[in-house]
C-alpha cells in the first residue's frame, strides 16, 4: 500500500474522498498528517485534537475485503482490527459501539467510513500525545508513523467478518454502560442487543453503525 504523509491538511478523509472521486489515486492508498485543521467526527461534528496525534485515512482494494463483511459495519470491522493491533502493544483501549476508541470512561478517538464509487474510505483519529480534559489519550507510547506503517502491515491479509466480529462481541457489555445518539436523540445502550451483522436492536428498532 502506498502511504503518503503531509505536515498539515484540512481533513485526510475529505482529501481522500475527493482524490478517489477524481481518479487522482489508485487503491490501495493511505494518507496521514501531523496536523489536521477540519477533521470530521461523529454525527458530522468536527474532531478537534492536537498536533502529533493520529489522523489517518486509507482505501483498500474493495475486491480484497472479506465476502461476508456487511457494508454498514465496515467501520466496526476496521475498528476491531485496529483495537487488536494496539493491544499487541499493551494498550487497554476498548470499543464503544459502534466504533469509538475508549480508555476507561473517556473517548480517545473514533473511526468513520464513506463509500466513493466502489471504494470504501476508512478514516480514524486517535489522541496519541495531546487531548483536552474531555478526552483521553492512548495509553501506550507509539508515534503516528509507527502506528500507520504497523497497522497497514497488520491488515495486509483481511480476516473474515465472522472471525473479527466474534472478538468484537465479547466486550459489547462494556458499551451498555453508555449511550449513543440515534436520530438526534440520546439512547442508552443498557438494553441494546448486538446482532450478528454488527447492528443493534434498541427500543424495538434495528440500528446500524451510524458512520
N, C-alpha and C. Protein backbone atom coordinates (compact mmCIF):
# COMPACT_ATOMS: atom_id res chain seq x y z
N UNK A 1 0.84 -1.20 0.00
CA UNK A 1 0.00 0.00 0.00
C UNK A 1 0.87 1.24 0.00
N UNK A 2 0.56 2.19 -0.88
CA UNK A 2 1.27 3.47 -0.88
C UNK A 2 0.80 4.30 0.31
N UNK A 3 1.77 4.82 1.08
CA UNK A 3 1.45 5.63 2.26
C UNK A 3 2.03 7.03 2.06
N UNK A 4 1.16 8.01 2.12
CA UNK A 4 1.56 9.41 1.88
C UNK A 4 1.43 10.21 3.17
N UNK A 5 2.46 10.97 3.50
CA UNK A 5 2.46 11.80 4.72
C UNK A 5 2.48 13.28 4.34
N UNK A 6 1.67 14.07 5.07
CA UNK A 6 1.69 15.53 4.92
C UNK A 6 1.79 16.16 6.30
N UNK A 7 2.41 17.32 6.36
CA UNK A 7 2.55 18.02 7.64
C UNK A 7 1.20 18.54 8.14
N UNK A 8 0.42 19.13 7.22
CA UNK A 8 -0.86 19.73 7.61
C UNK A 8 -1.88 19.55 6.50
N UNK A 9 -3.13 19.33 6.89
CA UNK A 9 -4.21 19.14 5.93
C UNK A 9 -5.51 19.52 6.62
N UNK A 10 -6.48 19.93 5.84
CA UNK A 10 -7.77 20.25 6.46
C UNK A 10 -8.44 18.98 6.96
N UNK A 11 -8.48 17.94 6.13
CA UNK A 11 -9.09 16.67 6.52
C UNK A 11 -8.56 15.56 5.63
N UNK A 12 -7.93 14.56 6.21
CA UNK A 12 -7.47 13.42 5.42
C UNK A 12 -8.66 12.71 4.78
N UNK A 13 -9.78 12.66 5.49
CA UNK A 13 -10.97 11.98 4.99
C UNK A 13 -11.51 12.67 3.74
N UNK A 14 -11.69 13.97 3.83
CA UNK A 14 -12.21 14.71 2.68
C UNK A 14 -11.24 14.68 1.51
N UNK A 15 -9.95 14.79 1.80
CA UNK A 15 -8.94 14.76 0.73
C UNK A 15 -9.00 13.45 -0.02
N UNK A 16 -9.07 12.33 0.72
CA UNK A 16 -9.05 11.02 0.07
C UNK A 16 -10.35 10.75 -0.68
N UNK A 17 -11.47 11.19 -0.13
CA UNK A 17 -12.74 11.04 -0.84
C UNK A 17 -12.70 11.76 -2.19
N UNK A 18 -12.15 12.98 -2.20
CA UNK A 18 -12.05 13.75 -3.44
C UNK A 18 -11.05 13.12 -4.40
N UNK A 19 -9.96 12.62 -3.87
CA UNK A 19 -8.94 12.00 -4.72
C UNK A 19 -9.48 10.76 -5.42
N UNK A 20 -10.27 9.97 -4.70
CA UNK A 20 -10.89 8.78 -5.30
C UNK A 20 -11.94 9.20 -6.32
N UNK A 21 -12.74 10.19 -5.96
CA UNK A 21 -13.79 10.68 -6.85
C UNK A 21 -13.22 11.18 -8.18
N UNK A 22 -12.07 11.85 -8.10
CA UNK A 22 -11.46 12.44 -9.30
C UNK A 22 -10.43 11.52 -9.97
N UNK A 23 -10.32 10.28 -9.48
CA UNK A 23 -9.38 9.30 -10.05
C UNK A 23 -7.93 9.78 -9.96
N UNK A 24 -7.62 10.52 -8.89
CA UNK A 24 -6.27 11.04 -8.71
C UNK A 24 -5.32 10.00 -8.11
N UNK A 25 -5.87 9.02 -7.41
CA UNK A 25 -5.04 7.98 -6.82
C UNK A 25 -5.70 6.63 -7.08
N UNK A 26 -4.90 5.58 -6.91
CA UNK A 26 -5.39 4.22 -7.13
C UNK A 26 -5.24 3.42 -5.84
N UNK A 27 -6.31 2.76 -5.37
CA UNK A 27 -6.20 1.92 -4.18
C UNK A 27 -5.23 0.74 -4.44
N UNK A 28 -4.56 0.26 -3.40
CA UNK A 28 -4.65 0.71 -2.00
C UNK A 28 -3.78 1.94 -1.75
N UNK A 29 -4.28 2.82 -0.90
CA UNK A 29 -3.60 4.09 -0.65
C UNK A 29 -3.96 4.57 0.75
N UNK A 30 -2.98 5.19 1.41
CA UNK A 30 -3.21 5.75 2.75
C UNK A 30 -2.57 7.12 2.83
N UNK A 31 -3.20 8.01 3.58
CA UNK A 31 -2.64 9.34 3.82
C UNK A 31 -2.80 9.65 5.31
N UNK A 32 -1.74 10.19 5.92
CA UNK A 32 -1.84 10.64 7.30
C UNK A 32 -1.12 11.97 7.46
N UNK A 33 -1.50 12.69 8.50
CA UNK A 33 -1.00 14.05 8.68
C UNK A 33 -0.53 14.29 10.11
N UNK A 34 0.42 15.21 10.24
CA UNK A 34 0.86 15.62 11.57
C UNK A 34 -0.16 16.55 12.22
N UNK A 35 -0.87 17.33 11.37
CA UNK A 35 -1.85 18.27 11.87
C UNK A 35 -3.06 18.29 10.95
N UNK A 36 -4.24 18.32 11.54
CA UNK A 36 -5.49 18.36 10.78
C UNK A 36 -6.33 19.51 11.32
N UNK A 37 -6.80 20.38 10.42
CA UNK A 37 -7.48 21.59 10.87
C UNK A 37 -9.00 21.51 10.83
N UNK A 38 -9.55 20.60 10.03
CA UNK A 38 -11.00 20.49 9.92
C UNK A 38 -11.41 19.02 9.90
N UNK A 39 -10.96 18.27 10.90
CA UNK A 39 -11.27 16.86 10.97
C UNK A 39 -12.76 16.62 11.18
N UNK A 40 -13.22 15.48 10.69
CA UNK A 40 -14.63 15.13 10.78
C UNK A 40 -14.83 14.11 11.89
N UNK A 41 -15.78 14.39 12.80
CA UNK A 41 -16.10 13.45 13.87
C UNK A 41 -17.45 12.82 13.66
N UNK A 42 -17.98 12.25 14.71
CA UNK A 42 -19.27 11.58 14.64
C UNK A 42 -20.40 12.60 14.44
N UNK A 43 -21.47 12.14 13.79
CA UNK A 43 -22.67 12.93 13.54
C UNK A 43 -22.37 14.24 12.81
N UNK A 44 -21.29 14.22 11.99
CA UNK A 44 -20.95 15.40 11.21
C UNK A 44 -20.21 16.48 11.98
N UNK A 45 -19.91 16.22 13.26
CA UNK A 45 -19.17 17.19 14.06
C UNK A 45 -17.70 17.21 13.64
N UNK A 46 -16.98 18.22 14.09
CA UNK A 46 -15.54 18.24 13.85
C UNK A 46 -14.84 17.45 14.95
N UNK A 47 -13.71 16.86 14.60
CA UNK A 47 -12.90 16.16 15.59
C UNK A 47 -11.69 17.04 15.87
N UNK A 48 -11.70 17.69 17.03
CA UNK A 48 -10.64 18.62 17.39
C UNK A 48 -9.62 17.89 18.25
N UNK A 49 -8.36 18.01 17.86
CA UNK A 49 -7.30 17.32 18.57
C UNK A 49 -5.98 18.03 18.28
N UNK A 50 -4.97 17.75 19.09
CA UNK A 50 -3.71 18.47 18.98
C UNK A 50 -2.76 17.91 17.94
N UNK A 51 -1.67 18.63 17.72
CA UNK A 51 -0.64 18.19 16.78
C UNK A 51 0.02 16.90 17.27
N UNK A 52 0.43 16.08 16.31
CA UNK A 52 1.15 14.86 16.66
C UNK A 52 0.27 13.67 16.98
N UNK A 53 -1.04 13.85 16.91
CA UNK A 53 -1.94 12.72 17.11
C UNK A 53 -2.15 11.99 15.79
N UNK A 54 -2.96 10.95 15.80
CA UNK A 54 -3.17 10.17 14.59
C UNK A 54 -4.31 10.74 13.76
N UNK A 55 -4.02 11.07 12.51
CA UNK A 55 -5.02 11.50 11.54
C UNK A 55 -4.77 10.68 10.28
N UNK A 56 -5.54 9.65 10.09
CA UNK A 56 -5.27 8.67 9.04
C UNK A 56 -6.53 8.36 8.24
N UNK A 57 -6.38 8.30 6.92
CA UNK A 57 -7.43 7.81 6.03
C UNK A 57 -6.80 6.85 5.03
N UNK A 58 -7.51 5.77 4.73
CA UNK A 58 -6.97 4.82 3.76
C UNK A 58 -8.10 4.17 2.98
N UNK A 59 -7.75 3.67 1.81
CA UNK A 59 -8.71 3.00 0.94
C UNK A 59 -8.10 1.67 0.49
N UNK A 60 -8.69 0.55 0.90
CA UNK A 60 -8.21 -0.75 0.44
C UNK A 60 -8.77 -1.07 -0.95
N UNK A 61 -8.26 -2.11 -1.55
CA UNK A 61 -8.85 -2.62 -2.79
C UNK A 61 -10.11 -3.38 -2.41
N UNK A 62 -11.24 -2.94 -2.90
CA UNK A 62 -12.52 -3.50 -2.46
C UNK A 62 -12.62 -5.01 -2.67
N UNK A 63 -12.04 -5.50 -3.75
CA UNK A 63 -12.14 -6.93 -4.06
C UNK A 63 -11.37 -7.80 -3.08
N UNK A 64 -10.49 -7.19 -2.27
CA UNK A 64 -9.72 -7.97 -1.30
C UNK A 64 -10.40 -8.05 0.06
N UNK A 65 -11.51 -7.33 0.24
CA UNK A 65 -12.22 -7.35 1.51
C UNK A 65 -13.00 -8.66 1.64
N UNK A 66 -13.27 -9.11 2.86
CA UNK A 66 -13.97 -10.38 3.06
C UNK A 66 -15.36 -10.39 2.42
N UNK A 67 -15.73 -11.51 1.84
CA UNK A 67 -17.03 -11.62 1.19
C UNK A 67 -18.18 -11.50 2.18
N UNK A 68 -17.94 -11.86 3.44
CA UNK A 68 -19.02 -11.85 4.42
C UNK A 68 -19.11 -10.54 5.21
N UNK A 69 -18.34 -9.52 4.80
CA UNK A 69 -18.31 -8.25 5.53
C UNK A 69 -19.53 -7.39 5.21
N UNK A 70 -20.42 -7.11 6.18
CA UNK A 70 -21.59 -6.25 5.92
C UNK A 70 -21.13 -4.81 5.70
N UNK A 71 -21.53 -4.21 4.60
CA UNK A 71 -21.08 -2.85 4.30
C UNK A 71 -21.41 -1.85 5.41
N UNK A 72 -22.60 -1.90 6.02
CA UNK A 72 -22.90 -0.93 7.08
C UNK A 72 -22.00 -1.07 8.31
N UNK A 73 -21.32 -2.19 8.44
CA UNK A 73 -20.47 -2.43 9.60
C UNK A 73 -18.99 -2.36 9.25
N UNK A 74 -18.67 -1.69 8.15
CA UNK A 74 -17.29 -1.54 7.72
C UNK A 74 -16.43 -0.89 8.81
N UNK A 75 -16.97 0.14 9.46
CA UNK A 75 -16.19 0.84 10.48
C UNK A 75 -15.99 -0.03 11.72
N UNK A 76 -16.97 -0.86 12.06
CA UNK A 76 -16.81 -1.78 13.18
C UNK A 76 -15.68 -2.77 12.89
N UNK A 77 -15.67 -3.28 11.68
CA UNK A 77 -14.66 -4.26 11.27
C UNK A 77 -13.25 -3.68 11.41
N UNK A 78 -13.02 -2.50 10.83
CA UNK A 78 -11.68 -1.93 10.88
C UNK A 78 -11.32 -1.39 12.26
N UNK A 79 -12.31 -0.96 13.02
CA UNK A 79 -12.04 -0.53 14.40
C UNK A 79 -11.56 -1.70 15.23
N UNK A 80 -12.18 -2.86 15.06
CA UNK A 80 -11.76 -4.05 15.81
C UNK A 80 -10.35 -4.47 15.43
N UNK A 81 -10.03 -4.39 14.15
CA UNK A 81 -8.67 -4.74 13.73
C UNK A 81 -7.64 -3.78 14.32
N UNK A 82 -7.97 -2.49 14.36
CA UNK A 82 -7.05 -1.52 14.95
C UNK A 82 -6.94 -1.75 16.45
N UNK A 83 -8.04 -2.09 17.09
CA UNK A 83 -8.01 -2.42 18.51
C UNK A 83 -7.03 -3.56 18.78
N UNK A 84 -7.12 -4.62 17.99
CA UNK A 84 -6.24 -5.77 18.17
C UNK A 84 -4.79 -5.37 17.97
N UNK A 85 -4.53 -4.53 16.97
CA UNK A 85 -3.16 -4.07 16.73
C UNK A 85 -2.63 -3.30 17.93
N UNK A 86 -3.44 -2.38 18.48
CA UNK A 86 -3.00 -1.56 19.61
C UNK A 86 -2.80 -2.40 20.87
N UNK A 87 -3.63 -3.40 21.05
CA UNK A 87 -3.48 -4.26 22.24
C UNK A 87 -2.22 -5.11 22.17
N UNK A 88 -1.72 -5.35 20.99
CA UNK A 88 -0.46 -6.07 20.86
C UNK A 88 0.69 -5.29 21.48
N UNK A 89 0.49 -3.97 21.64
CA UNK A 89 1.49 -3.11 22.26
C UNK A 89 1.20 -2.87 23.75
N UNK A 90 0.16 -3.51 24.26
CA UNK A 90 -0.15 -3.39 25.68
C UNK A 90 -1.22 -2.39 26.03
N UNK A 91 -1.91 -1.84 25.03
CA UNK A 91 -2.96 -0.85 25.32
C UNK A 91 -4.19 -1.51 25.95
N UNK A 92 -4.87 -0.75 26.79
CA UNK A 92 -6.12 -1.21 27.39
C UNK A 92 -7.33 -0.62 26.67
N UNK A 93 -7.12 -0.11 25.47
CA UNK A 93 -8.20 0.51 24.70
C UNK A 93 -9.33 -0.49 24.46
N UNK A 94 -10.57 0.04 24.45
CA UNK A 94 -11.72 -0.80 24.12
C UNK A 94 -12.66 -0.01 23.21
N UNK A 95 -13.62 -0.70 22.60
CA UNK A 95 -14.51 -0.08 21.64
C UNK A 95 -15.92 0.09 22.20
N UNK A 96 -16.41 1.32 22.18
CA UNK A 96 -17.83 1.57 22.47
C UNK A 96 -18.59 1.50 21.16
N UNK A 97 -19.70 0.75 21.17
CA UNK A 97 -20.45 0.60 19.92
C UNK A 97 -20.81 1.95 19.33
N UNK A 98 -20.64 2.13 18.03
CA UNK A 98 -20.13 1.10 17.13
C UNK A 98 -18.62 1.13 16.94
N UNK A 99 -17.98 2.28 17.05
CA UNK A 99 -16.57 2.35 16.64
C UNK A 99 -15.83 3.54 17.27
N UNK A 100 -16.07 3.76 18.55
CA UNK A 100 -15.33 4.79 19.28
C UNK A 100 -14.29 4.12 20.17
N UNK A 101 -13.08 4.64 20.15
CA UNK A 101 -11.99 4.10 20.96
C UNK A 101 -11.99 4.77 22.33
N UNK A 102 -12.05 3.96 23.37
CA UNK A 102 -12.10 4.47 24.74
C UNK A 102 -10.93 3.96 25.57
N UNK A 103 -10.48 4.83 26.47
CA UNK A 103 -9.57 4.45 27.54
C UNK A 103 -10.33 4.72 28.83
N UNK A 104 -10.68 3.66 29.54
CA UNK A 104 -11.53 3.84 30.71
C UNK A 104 -12.89 4.36 30.29
N UNK A 105 -13.28 5.49 30.85
CA UNK A 105 -14.60 6.06 30.55
C UNK A 105 -14.53 7.27 29.63
N UNK A 106 -13.36 7.51 29.03
CA UNK A 106 -13.20 8.67 28.16
C UNK A 106 -12.84 8.25 26.74
N UNK A 107 -13.41 8.96 25.78
CA UNK A 107 -13.14 8.70 24.37
C UNK A 107 -11.74 9.18 24.00
N UNK A 108 -11.01 8.33 23.29
CA UNK A 108 -9.68 8.68 22.83
C UNK A 108 -9.61 8.84 21.32
N UNK A 109 -10.67 8.44 20.62
CA UNK A 109 -10.67 8.54 19.17
C UNK A 109 -11.88 7.85 18.58
N UNK A 110 -11.93 7.81 17.27
CA UNK A 110 -13.06 7.18 16.60
C UNK A 110 -12.75 6.95 15.13
N UNK A 111 -13.65 6.24 14.48
CA UNK A 111 -13.47 5.90 13.08
C UNK A 111 -14.75 6.22 12.31
N UNK A 112 -14.60 6.67 11.08
CA UNK A 112 -15.74 6.88 10.19
C UNK A 112 -15.42 6.24 8.84
N UNK A 113 -16.44 5.92 8.08
CA UNK A 113 -16.24 5.35 6.75
C UNK A 113 -17.16 6.03 5.75
N UNK A 114 -16.78 5.97 4.50
CA UNK A 114 -17.59 6.50 3.42
C UNK A 114 -17.36 5.65 2.19
N UNK A 115 -18.35 5.60 1.31
CA UNK A 115 -18.20 4.86 0.05
C UNK A 115 -18.19 5.85 -1.10
N UNK A 116 -17.14 5.79 -1.90
CA UNK A 116 -17.00 6.65 -3.07
C UNK A 116 -16.80 5.74 -4.27
N UNK A 117 -17.74 5.81 -5.21
CA UNK A 117 -17.76 4.87 -6.32
C UNK A 117 -17.87 3.47 -5.72
N UNK A 118 -16.94 2.58 -6.01
CA UNK A 118 -16.98 1.24 -5.43
C UNK A 118 -15.94 1.07 -4.32
N UNK A 119 -15.42 2.18 -3.84
CA UNK A 119 -14.33 2.14 -2.86
C UNK A 119 -14.80 2.60 -1.49
N UNK A 120 -14.18 2.02 -0.47
CA UNK A 120 -14.51 2.38 0.91
C UNK A 120 -13.35 3.19 1.51
N UNK A 121 -13.68 4.37 2.00
CA UNK A 121 -12.70 5.25 2.65
C UNK A 121 -12.84 5.06 4.15
N UNK A 122 -11.77 4.65 4.79
CA UNK A 122 -11.78 4.44 6.24
C UNK A 122 -10.88 5.50 6.87
N UNK A 123 -11.41 6.23 7.83
CA UNK A 123 -10.66 7.31 8.47
C UNK A 123 -10.71 7.17 9.97
N UNK A 124 -9.58 7.43 10.60
CA UNK A 124 -9.50 7.29 12.06
C UNK A 124 -8.69 8.42 12.66
N UNK A 125 -9.16 8.90 13.81
CA UNK A 125 -8.42 9.88 14.59
C UNK A 125 -8.28 9.37 16.00
N UNK A 126 -7.07 9.39 16.54
CA UNK A 126 -6.81 8.93 17.91
C UNK A 126 -5.83 9.88 18.58
N UNK A 127 -6.11 10.23 19.83
CA UNK A 127 -5.20 11.06 20.60
C UNK A 127 -4.00 10.23 21.05
N UNK A 128 -2.84 10.59 20.54
CA UNK A 128 -1.61 9.89 20.93
C UNK A 128 -0.76 10.70 21.89
N UNK A 129 -0.77 12.02 21.74
CA UNK A 129 0.14 12.86 22.52
C UNK A 129 -0.54 14.05 23.19
N UNK A 130 -1.74 14.40 22.78
CA UNK A 130 -2.39 15.57 23.35
C UNK A 130 -3.90 15.41 23.30
N UNK A 131 -4.56 15.92 24.35
CA UNK A 131 -6.02 15.90 24.37
C UNK A 131 -6.50 16.91 25.40
N UNK A 132 -7.76 17.30 25.28
CA UNK A 132 -8.38 18.15 26.29
C UNK A 132 -8.82 17.28 27.45
N UNK A 133 -9.26 17.91 28.53
CA UNK A 133 -9.72 17.15 29.69
C UNK A 133 -10.95 16.28 29.37
N UNK A 134 -11.65 16.67 28.31
CA UNK A 134 -12.86 15.94 27.93
C UNK A 134 -12.53 14.58 27.34
N UNK A 135 -11.35 14.46 26.73
CA UNK A 135 -10.98 13.24 26.03
C UNK A 135 -9.77 12.58 26.67
N UNK A 136 -9.54 11.32 26.30
CA UNK A 136 -8.41 10.56 26.81
C UNK A 136 -7.31 10.49 25.77
N UNK A 137 -6.12 10.09 26.21
CA UNK A 137 -5.02 9.80 25.31
C UNK A 137 -4.77 8.29 25.32
N UNK A 138 -4.26 7.78 24.22
CA UNK A 138 -3.90 6.37 24.17
C UNK A 138 -2.86 6.08 25.25
N UNK A 139 -2.93 4.93 25.84
CA UNK A 139 -2.10 4.60 27.00
C UNK A 139 -0.83 3.84 26.64
N UNK A 140 -0.34 3.98 25.43
CA UNK A 140 0.93 3.38 25.03
C UNK A 140 1.74 4.44 24.28
N UNK A 141 3.04 4.25 24.25
CA UNK A 141 3.91 5.18 23.54
C UNK A 141 4.12 4.67 22.12
N UNK A 142 3.54 5.36 21.16
CA UNK A 142 3.68 4.97 19.76
C UNK A 142 3.54 6.22 18.91
N UNK A 143 4.37 6.37 17.90
CA UNK A 143 4.30 7.54 17.04
C UNK A 143 3.27 7.30 15.94
N UNK A 144 2.76 8.38 15.34
CA UNK A 144 1.84 8.19 14.21
C UNK A 144 2.44 7.35 13.10
N UNK A 145 3.71 7.58 12.80
CA UNK A 145 4.37 6.82 11.74
C UNK A 145 4.42 5.33 12.07
N UNK A 146 4.79 5.00 13.31
CA UNK A 146 4.84 3.60 13.72
C UNK A 146 3.47 2.96 13.66
N UNK A 147 2.46 3.71 14.08
CA UNK A 147 1.11 3.17 14.09
C UNK A 147 0.60 2.94 12.66
N UNK A 148 0.78 3.92 11.80
CA UNK A 148 0.28 3.80 10.43
C UNK A 148 0.97 2.66 9.69
N UNK A 149 2.28 2.65 9.69
CA UNK A 149 3.00 1.62 8.95
C UNK A 149 2.75 0.23 9.54
N UNK A 150 2.70 0.16 10.86
CA UNK A 150 2.44 -1.12 11.51
C UNK A 150 1.05 -1.64 11.23
N UNK A 151 0.05 -0.74 11.29
CA UNK A 151 -1.32 -1.16 11.07
C UNK A 151 -1.57 -1.54 9.61
N UNK A 152 -0.99 -0.81 8.67
CA UNK A 152 -1.15 -1.17 7.27
C UNK A 152 -0.55 -2.54 6.98
N UNK A 153 0.53 -2.87 7.64
CA UNK A 153 1.11 -4.20 7.50
C UNK A 153 0.23 -5.24 8.18
N UNK A 154 -0.35 -4.89 9.30
CA UNK A 154 -1.19 -5.80 10.09
C UNK A 154 -2.42 -6.24 9.30
N UNK A 155 -2.97 -5.34 8.49
CA UNK A 155 -4.20 -5.66 7.76
C UNK A 155 -3.93 -6.05 6.31
N UNK A 156 -2.72 -6.47 6.03
CA UNK A 156 -2.39 -6.87 4.67
C UNK A 156 -3.28 -8.02 4.20
N UNK A 157 -3.57 -8.94 5.09
CA UNK A 157 -4.47 -10.05 4.80
C UNK A 157 -5.70 -9.91 5.70
N UNK A 158 -6.85 -9.61 5.10
CA UNK A 158 -8.04 -9.32 5.89
C UNK A 158 -8.69 -10.60 6.41
N UNK A 159 -8.91 -10.69 7.73
CA UNK A 159 -9.66 -11.83 8.28
C UNK A 159 -11.13 -11.70 7.95
N UNK A 160 -11.88 -12.77 8.10
CA UNK A 160 -13.31 -12.73 7.81
C UNK A 160 -14.06 -11.86 8.81
N UNK A 161 -15.24 -11.40 8.41
CA UNK A 161 -16.11 -10.68 9.34
C UNK A 161 -16.49 -11.57 10.52
N UNK A 162 -16.81 -12.81 10.26
CA UNK A 162 -17.21 -13.73 11.32
C UNK A 162 -16.13 -13.85 12.38
N UNK A 163 -14.90 -14.01 11.95
CA UNK A 163 -13.77 -14.14 12.86
C UNK A 163 -13.57 -12.85 13.66
N UNK A 164 -13.64 -11.71 12.99
CA UNK A 164 -13.42 -10.42 13.64
C UNK A 164 -14.56 -10.07 14.59
N UNK A 165 -15.79 -10.30 14.14
CA UNK A 165 -16.96 -9.97 14.96
C UNK A 165 -17.03 -10.83 16.22
N UNK A 166 -16.55 -12.07 16.15
CA UNK A 166 -16.58 -12.94 17.32
C UNK A 166 -15.77 -12.35 18.46
N UNK A 167 -14.74 -11.58 18.14
CA UNK A 167 -13.94 -10.90 19.16
C UNK A 167 -14.62 -9.62 19.61
N UNK A 168 -15.18 -8.90 18.66
CA UNK A 168 -15.86 -7.63 18.97
C UNK A 168 -17.00 -7.84 19.97
N UNK A 169 -17.80 -8.87 19.75
CA UNK A 169 -18.99 -9.06 20.57
C UNK A 169 -18.68 -9.47 22.01
N UNK A 170 -17.47 -9.99 22.25
CA UNK A 170 -17.11 -10.42 23.59
C UNK A 170 -17.11 -9.26 24.60
N UNK A 171 -16.87 -8.05 24.10
CA UNK A 171 -16.78 -6.90 25.01
C UNK A 171 -17.92 -5.92 24.83
N UNK A 172 -18.97 -6.34 24.15
CA UNK A 172 -20.09 -5.42 23.91
C UNK A 172 -20.72 -4.94 25.22
N UNK A 173 -20.65 -5.76 26.26
CA UNK A 173 -21.27 -5.36 27.52
C UNK A 173 -20.65 -4.10 28.09
N UNK A 174 -19.41 -3.78 27.71
CA UNK A 174 -18.79 -2.54 28.16
C UNK A 174 -19.54 -1.33 27.61
N UNK A 175 -20.08 -1.46 26.41
CA UNK A 175 -20.82 -0.36 25.78
C UNK A 175 -22.15 -0.10 26.48
N UNK A 176 -22.68 -1.11 27.16
CA UNK A 176 -24.02 -0.99 27.71
C UNK A 176 -24.12 -0.08 28.93
N UNK A 177 -22.98 0.41 29.38
CA UNK A 177 -22.97 1.43 30.43
C UNK A 177 -23.02 2.83 29.85
N UNK A 178 -23.04 2.92 28.52
CA UNK A 178 -23.00 4.19 27.83
C UNK A 178 -24.23 4.33 26.94
N UNK A 179 -24.20 5.28 26.03
CA UNK A 179 -25.32 5.50 25.13
C UNK A 179 -24.83 6.05 23.81
N UNK A 180 -25.75 6.20 22.86
CA UNK A 180 -25.44 6.75 21.55
C UNK A 180 -26.55 7.71 21.13
N UNK A 181 -26.25 8.56 20.19
CA UNK A 181 -27.26 9.44 19.62
C UNK A 181 -27.85 8.77 18.38
N UNK A 182 -29.15 8.58 18.38
CA UNK A 182 -29.87 7.98 17.25
C UNK A 182 -30.95 8.95 16.81
N UNK A 183 -30.83 9.39 15.56
CA UNK A 183 -31.78 10.37 15.00
C UNK A 183 -31.91 11.60 15.90
N UNK A 184 -30.76 12.04 16.39
CA UNK A 184 -30.72 13.27 17.19
C UNK A 184 -31.07 13.11 18.65
N UNK A 185 -31.41 11.90 19.07
CA UNK A 185 -31.79 11.66 20.46
C UNK A 185 -30.79 10.72 21.14
N UNK A 186 -30.48 11.02 22.39
CA UNK A 186 -29.56 10.18 23.15
C UNK A 186 -30.29 8.94 23.65
N UNK A 187 -29.72 7.76 23.36
CA UNK A 187 -30.34 6.50 23.76
C UNK A 187 -29.35 5.67 24.56
N UNK A 188 -29.78 5.17 25.70
CA UNK A 188 -28.94 4.29 26.50
C UNK A 188 -28.78 2.95 25.79
N UNK A 189 -27.59 2.36 25.92
CA UNK A 189 -27.32 1.06 25.34
C UNK A 189 -27.54 -0.08 26.35
N UNK A 190 -28.10 0.23 27.50
CA UNK A 190 -28.24 -0.76 28.57
C UNK A 190 -29.00 -1.99 28.12
N UNK A 191 -30.09 -1.79 27.37
CA UNK A 191 -30.92 -2.93 26.94
C UNK A 191 -30.68 -3.30 25.47
N UNK A 192 -29.67 -2.73 24.86
CA UNK A 192 -29.42 -2.99 23.44
C UNK A 192 -28.92 -4.42 23.23
N UNK A 193 -29.34 -5.00 22.12
CA UNK A 193 -28.91 -6.35 21.74
C UNK A 193 -28.07 -6.26 20.49
N UNK A 194 -26.88 -6.84 20.54
CA UNK A 194 -25.97 -6.81 19.39
C UNK A 194 -26.32 -7.94 18.43
N UNK A 195 -26.51 -7.60 17.16
CA UNK A 195 -26.87 -8.59 16.13
C UNK A 195 -25.63 -9.05 15.37
N UNK A 196 -25.75 -10.17 14.66
CA UNK A 196 -24.62 -10.79 14.00
C UNK A 196 -24.03 -9.94 12.88
N UNK A 197 -24.80 -9.01 12.35
CA UNK A 197 -24.29 -8.15 11.28
C UNK A 197 -23.71 -6.85 11.80
N UNK A 198 -23.58 -6.73 13.14
CA UNK A 198 -22.99 -5.54 13.73
C UNK A 198 -23.99 -4.48 14.12
N UNK A 199 -25.23 -4.64 13.72
CA UNK A 199 -26.28 -3.69 14.12
C UNK A 199 -26.71 -4.00 15.55
N UNK A 200 -27.54 -3.11 16.11
CA UNK A 200 -28.11 -3.36 17.43
C UNK A 200 -29.63 -3.26 17.35
N UNK A 201 -30.29 -3.98 18.22
CA UNK A 201 -31.73 -3.83 18.40
C UNK A 201 -31.93 -3.01 19.67
N UNK A 202 -32.57 -1.86 19.52
CA UNK A 202 -32.77 -0.95 20.64
C UNK A 202 -34.12 -0.26 20.49
N UNK A 203 -34.89 -0.25 21.55
CA UNK A 203 -36.22 0.36 21.52
C UNK A 203 -37.06 -0.19 20.37
N UNK A 204 -36.98 -1.54 20.19
CA UNK A 204 -37.74 -2.23 19.14
C UNK A 204 -37.38 -1.77 17.73
N UNK A 205 -36.16 -1.32 17.56
CA UNK A 205 -35.71 -0.84 16.25
C UNK A 205 -34.30 -1.34 15.99
N UNK A 206 -34.02 -1.71 14.73
CA UNK A 206 -32.70 -2.16 14.35
C UNK A 206 -31.89 -0.97 13.86
N UNK A 207 -30.72 -0.77 14.44
CA UNK A 207 -29.89 0.38 14.11
C UNK A 207 -28.51 -0.10 13.69
N UNK A 208 -28.03 0.40 12.55
CA UNK A 208 -26.70 0.04 12.09
C UNK A 208 -25.69 1.10 12.49
N UNK A 209 -24.42 0.78 12.28
CA UNK A 209 -23.37 1.73 12.57
C UNK A 209 -23.72 3.10 12.00
N UNK A 210 -23.56 4.13 12.78
CA UNK A 210 -24.06 5.45 12.43
C UNK A 210 -23.11 6.24 11.55
N UNK A 211 -21.93 5.71 11.26
CA UNK A 211 -20.97 6.46 10.45
C UNK A 211 -19.93 5.50 9.85
